[in-house]
Amino acid sequence: MIRASICTGEQVAGFKDLETGKFEDIMLISNEKDMKEFMRMYGVQAEDISKEW
């Protein structure tokens, strides 16, 4: 998932534990290149990524 700040627009990609709700930060997403790298590294597709504000 992507956790985004409403105030700053900063976006962090990571994974959320569905049982505990704990979010594990993986990497800062500054641009489309970063997002593509995250998806490549973890084998996820854009449609599988949710965004939380």
PDB file of N, CA and C in Angstrom:
ATOM      1  N   MET A   1       0.831  -1.171   0.000  1.00  0.00           N
ATOM      2  CA  MET A   1       0.000   0.000   0.000  1.00  0.00           C
ATOM      3  C   MET A   1       0.875   1.234   0.000  1.00  0.00           C
ATOM      4  N   ILE A   2       0.261   2.358  -0.295  1.00  0.00           N
ATOM      5  CA  ILE A   2       0.935   3.642  -0.238  1.00  0.00           C
ATOM      6  C   ILE A   2       0.317   4.435   0.901  1.00  0.00           C
ATOM      7  N   ARG A   3       1.141   4.928   1.793  1.00  0.00           N
ATOM      8  CA  ARG A   3       0.674   5.814   2.857  1.00  0.00           C
ATOM      9  C   ARG A   3       1.099   7.212   2.450  1.00  0.00           C
ATOM     10  N   ALA A   4       0.120   8.115   2.306  1.00  0.00           N
ATOM     11  CA  ALA A   4       0.388   9.460   1.824  1.00  0.00           C
ATOM     12  C   ALA A   4      -0.017  10.495   2.868  1.00  0.00           C
ATOM     13  N   SER A   5       0.752  11.566   2.934  1.00  0.00           N
ATOM     14  CA  SER A   5       0.453  12.671   3.830  1.00  0.00           C
ATOM     15  C   SER A   5      -0.420  13.685   3.109  1.00  0.00           C
ATOM     16  N   ILE A   6      -1.520  14.053   3.705  1.00  0.00           N
ATOM     17  CA  ILE A   6      -2.397  15.067   3.119  1.00  0.00           C
ATOM     18  C   ILE A   6      -1.689  16.419   3.114  1.00  0.00           C
ATOM     19  N   CYS A   7      -0.940  16.710   4.160  1.00  0.00           N
ATOM     20  CA  CYS A   7      -0.286  18.022   4.302  1.00  0.00           C
ATOM     21  C   CYS A   7       0.886  18.210   3.342  1.00  0.00           C
ATOM     22  N   THR A   8       1.788  17.228   3.289  1.00  0.00           N
ATOM     23  CA  THR A   8       3.029  17.392   2.519  1.00  0.00           C
ATOM     24  C   THR A   8       3.017  16.689   1.170  1.00  0.00           C
ATOM     25  N   GLY A   9       2.111  15.744   1.001  1.00  0.00           N
ATOM     26  CA  GLY A   9       2.082  14.977  -0.237  1.00  0.00           C
ATOM     27  C   GLY A   9       3.100  13.853  -0.268  1.00  0.00           C
ATOM     28  N   GLU A  10       3.900  13.721   0.802  1.00  0.00           N
ATOM     29  CA  GLU A  10       4.899  12.648   0.859  1.00  0.00           C
ATOM     30  C   GLU A  10       4.203  11.298   0.785  1.00  0.00           C
ATOM     31  N   GLN A  11       4.786  10.381   0.002  1.00  0.00           N
ATOM     32  CA  GLN A  11       4.235   9.042  -0.158  1.00  0.00           C
ATOM     33  C   GLN A  11       5.281   8.000   0.214  1.00  0.00           C
ATOM     34  N   VAL A  12       4.847   7.014   0.982  1.00  0.00           N
ATOM     35  CA  VAL A  12       5.730   5.924   1.395  1.00  0.00           C
ATOM     36  C   VAL A  12       5.070   4.611   1.018  1.00  0.00           C
ATOM     37  N   ALA A  13       5.804   3.763   0.333  1.00  0.00           N
ATOM     38  CA  ALA A  13       5.306   2.435  -0.032  1.00  0.00           C
ATOM     39  C   ALA A  13       5.686   1.454   1.069  1.00  0.00           C
ATOM     40  N   GLY A  14       4.806   0.511   1.310  1.00  0.00           N
ATOM     41  CA  GLY A  14       5.087  -0.497   2.319  1.00  0.00           C
ATOM     42  C   GLY A  14       3.991  -1.538   2.347  1.00  0.00           C
ATOM     43  N   PHE A  15       3.964  -2.288   3.434  1.00  0.00           N
ATOM     44  CA  PHE A  15       2.996  -3.362   3.587  1.00  0.00           C
ATOM     45  C   PHE A  15       2.298  -3.223   4.929  1.00  0.00           C
ATOM     46  N   LYS A  16       0.991  -3.470   4.928  1.00  0.00           N
ATOM     47  CA  LYS A  16       0.190  -3.374   6.140  1.00  0.00           C
ATOM     48  C   LYS A  16      -0.246  -4.762   6.564  1.00  0.00           C
ATOM     49  N   ASP A  17       0.024  -5.107   7.820  1.00  0.00           N
ATOM     50  CA  ASP A  17      -0.407  -6.383   8.384  1.00  0.00           C
ATOM     51  C   ASP A  17      -1.922  -6.316   8.571  1.00  0.00           C
ATOM     52  N   LEU A  18      -2.650  -7.199   7.934  1.00  0.00           N
ATOM     53  CA  LEU A  18      -4.109  -7.165   7.986  1.00  0.00           C
ATOM     54  C   LEU A  18      -4.661  -7.515   9.368  1.00  0.00           C
ATOM     55  N   GLU A  19      -3.910  -8.255  10.166  1.00  0.00           N
ATOM     56  CA  GLU A  19      -4.373  -8.622  11.505  1.00  0.00           C
ATOM     57  C   GLU A  19      -4.152  -7.501  12.509  1.00  0.00           C
ATOM     58  N   THR A  20      -2.956  -6.907  12.493  1.00  0.00           N
ATOM     59  CA  THR A  20      -2.616  -5.897  13.501  1.00  0.00           C
ATOM     60  C   THR A  20      -2.816  -4.464  13.009  1.00  0.00           C
ATOM     61  N   GLY A  21      -2.850  -4.268  11.696  1.00  0.00           N
ATOM     62  CA  GLY A  21      -2.958  -2.927  11.141  1.00  0.00           C
ATOM     63  C   GLY A  21      -1.633  -2.184  11.099  1.00  0.00           C
ATOM     64  N   LYS A  22      -0.560  -2.861  11.543  1.00  0.00           N
ATOM     65  CA  LYS A  22       0.758  -2.221  11.557  1.00  0.00           C
ATOM     66  C   LYS A  22       1.281  -2.064  10.128  1.00  0.00           C
ATOM     67  N   PHE A  23       1.794  -0.860   9.831  1.00  0.00           N
ATOM     68  CA  PHE A  23       2.341  -0.548   8.518  1.00  0.00           C
ATOM     69  C   PHE A  23       3.860  -0.604   8.579  1.00  0.00           C
ATOM     70  N   GLU A  24       4.480  -1.329   7.661  1.00  0.00           N
ATOM     71  CA  GLU A  24       5.946  -1.410   7.584  1.00  0.00           C
ATOM     72  C   GLU A  24       6.412  -0.592   6.381  1.00  0.00           C
ATOM     73  N   ASP A  25       7.122   0.516   6.666  1.00  0.00           N
ATOM     74  CA  ASP A  25       7.664   1.361   5.604  1.00  0.00           C
ATOM     75  C   ASP A  25       8.739   0.601   4.837  1.00  0.00           C
ATOM     76  N   ILE A  26       8.689   0.693   3.510  1.00  0.00           N
ATOM     77  CA  ILE A  26       9.703   0.061   2.672  1.00  0.00           C
ATOM     78  C   ILE A  26      10.541   1.118   1.965  1.00  0.00           C
ATOM     79  N   MET A  27       9.870   2.050   1.274  1.00  0.00           N
ATOM     80  CA  MET A  27      10.642   3.066   0.561  1.00  0.00           C
ATOM     81  C   MET A  27       9.801   4.308   0.276  1.00  0.00           C
ATOM     82  N   LEU A  28      10.483   5.436   0.190  1.00  0.00           N
ATOM     83  CA  LEU A  28       9.871   6.702  -0.159  1.00  0.00           C
ATOM     84  C   LEU A  28       9.571   6.704  -1.655  1.00  0.00           C
ATOM     85  N   ILE A  29       8.383   7.148  -2.017  1.00  0.00           N
ATOM     86  CA  ILE A  29       7.996   7.241  -3.423  1.00  0.00           C
ATOM     87  C   ILE A  29       7.983   8.726  -3.798  1.00  0.00           C
ATOM     88  N   SER A  30       8.988   9.141  -4.553  1.00  0.00           N
ATOM     89  CA  SER A  30       9.106  10.545  -4.951  1.00  0.00           C
ATOM     90  C   SER A  30       8.581  10.798  -6.355  1.00  0.00           C
ATOM     91  N   ASN A  31       8.551   9.734  -7.180  1.00  0.00           N
ATOM     92  CA  ASN A  31       8.121   9.903  -8.570  1.00  0.00           C
ATOM     93  C   ASN A  31       7.692   8.550  -9.137  1.00  0.00           C
ATOM     94  N   GLU A  32       7.289   8.564 -10.394  1.00  0.00           N
ATOM     95  CA  GLU A  32       6.811   7.340 -11.052  1.00  0.00           C
ATOM     96  C   GLU A  32       7.903   6.273 -11.140  1.00  0.00           C
ATOM     97  N   LYS A  33       9.149   6.694 -11.306  1.00  0.00           N
ATOM     98  CA  LYS A  33      10.273   5.752 -11.367  1.00  0.00           C
ATOM     99  C   LYS A  33      10.378   4.963 -10.061  1.00  0.00           C
ATOM    100  N   ASP A  34      10.235   5.658  -8.922  1.00  0.00           N
ATOM    101  CA  ASP A  34      10.277   4.982  -7.622  1.00  0.00           C
ATOM    102  C   ASP A  34       9.149   3.966  -7.502  1.00  0.00           C
ATOM    103  N   MET A  35       7.949   4.354  -7.963  1.00  0.00           N
ATOM    104  CA  MET A  35       6.802   3.447  -7.882  1.00  0.00           C
ATOM    105  C   MET A  35       7.037   2.202  -8.723  1.00  0.00           C
ATOM    106  N   LYS A  36       7.552   2.378  -9.922  1.00  0.00           N
ATOM    107  CA  LYS A  36       7.839   1.230 -10.789  1.00  0.00           C
ATOM    108  C   LYS A  36       8.892   0.324 -10.158  1.00  0.00           C
ATOM    109  N   GLU A  37       9.885   0.918  -9.518  1.00  0.00           N
ATOM    110  CA  GLU A  37      10.936   0.124  -8.857  1.00  0.00           C
ATOM    111  C   GLU A  37      10.346  -0.683  -7.705  1.00  0.00           C
ATOM    112  N   PHE A  38       9.486  -0.066  -6.899  1.00  0.00           N
ATOM    113  CA  PHE A  38       8.826  -0.771  -5.797  1.00  0.00           C
ATOM    114  C   PHE A  38       8.022  -1.956  -6.338  1.00  0.00           C
ATOM    115  N   MET A  39       7.236  -1.714  -7.391  1.00  0.00           N
ATOM    116  CA  MET A  39       6.423  -2.788  -7.967  1.00  0.00           C
ATOM    117  C   MET A  39       7.296  -3.907  -8.522  1.00  0.00           C
ATOM    118  N   ARG A  40       8.408  -3.566  -9.154  1.00  0.00           N
ATOM    119  CA  ARG A  40       9.313  -4.576  -9.696  1.00  0.00           C
ATOM    120  C   ARG A  40       9.949  -5.390  -8.577  1.00  0.00           C
ATOM    121  N   MET A  41      10.444  -4.694  -7.548  1.00  0.00           N
ATOM    122  CA  MET A  41      11.139  -5.365  -6.447  1.00  0.00           C
ATOM    123  C   MET A  41      10.251  -6.364  -5.705  1.00  0.00           C
ATOM    124  N   TYR A  42       8.959  -6.023  -5.568  1.00  0.00           N
ATOM    125  CA  TYR A  42       8.068  -6.858  -4.764  1.00  0.00           C
ATOM    126  C   TYR A  42       7.034  -7.616  -5.583  1.00  0.00           C
ATOM    127  N   GLY A  43       7.118  -7.509  -6.910  1.00  0.00           N
ATOM    128  CA  GLY A  43       6.241  -8.290  -7.770  1.00  0.00           C
ATOM    129  C   GLY A  43       4.770  -7.954  -7.628  1.00  0.00           C
ATOM    130  N   VAL A  44       4.465  -6.675  -7.421  1.00  0.00           N
ATOM    131  CA  VAL A  44       3.064  -6.256  -7.314  1.00  0.00           C
ATOM    132  C   VAL A  44       2.675  -5.400  -8.513  1.00  0.00           C
ATOM    133  N   GLN A  45       1.386  -5.385  -8.793  1.00  0.00           N
ATOM    134  CA  GLN A  45       0.846  -4.599  -9.895  1.00  0.00           C
ATOM    135  C   GLN A  45       0.169  -3.356  -9.330  1.00  0.00           C
ATOM    136  N   ALA A  46       0.051  -2.320 -10.140  1.00  0.00           N
ATOM    137  CA  ALA A  46      -0.544  -1.059  -9.696  1.00  0.00           C
ATOM    138  C   ALA A  46      -1.946  -1.263  -9.136  1.00  0.00           C
ATOM    139  N   GLU A  47      -2.746  -2.152  -9.742  1.00  0.00           N
ATOM    140  CA  GLU A  47      -4.105  -2.374  -9.272  1.00  0.00           C
ATOM    141  C   GLU A  47      -4.167  -3.068  -7.910  1.00  0.00           C
ATOM    142  N   ASP A  48      -3.043  -3.636  -7.469  1.00  0.00           N
ATOM    143  CA  ASP A  48      -2.985  -4.313  -6.160  1.00  0.00           C
ATOM    144  C   ASP A  48      -2.599  -3.359  -5.038  1.00  0.00           C
ATOM    145  N   ILE A  49      -2.255  -2.126  -5.372  1.00  0.00           N
ATOM    146  CA  ILE A  49      -1.761  -1.169  -4.374  1.00  0.00           C
ATOM    147  C   ILE A  49      -2.865  -0.196  -3.995  1.00  0.00           C
ATOM    148  N   SER A  50      -3.164  -0.174  -2.694  1.00  0.00           N
ATOM    149  CA  SER A  50      -4.160   0.780  -2.202  1.00  0.00           C
ATOM    150  C   SER A  50      -3.433   1.991  -1.613  1.00  0.00           C
ATOM    151  N   LYS A  51      -4.163   3.085  -1.429  1.00  0.00           N
ATOM    152  CA  LYS A  51      -3.580   4.299  -0.874  1.00  0.00           C
ATOM    153  C   LYS A  51      -4.344   4.663   0.387  1.00  0.00           C
ATOM    154  N   GLU A  52      -3.595   5.005   1.424  1.00  0.00           N
ATOM    155  CA  GLU A  52      -4.189   5.420   2.689  1.00  0.00           C
ATOM    156  C   GLU A  52      -3.677   6.822   3.005  1.00  0.00           C
ATOM    157  N   TRP A  53      -4.584   7.712   3.397  1.00  0.00           N
ATOM    158  CA  TRP A  53      -4.213   9.088   3.723  1.00  0.00           C
ATOM    159  C   TRP A  53      -4.085   9.264   5.196  1.00  0.00           C
TER     160      TRP A  53
END
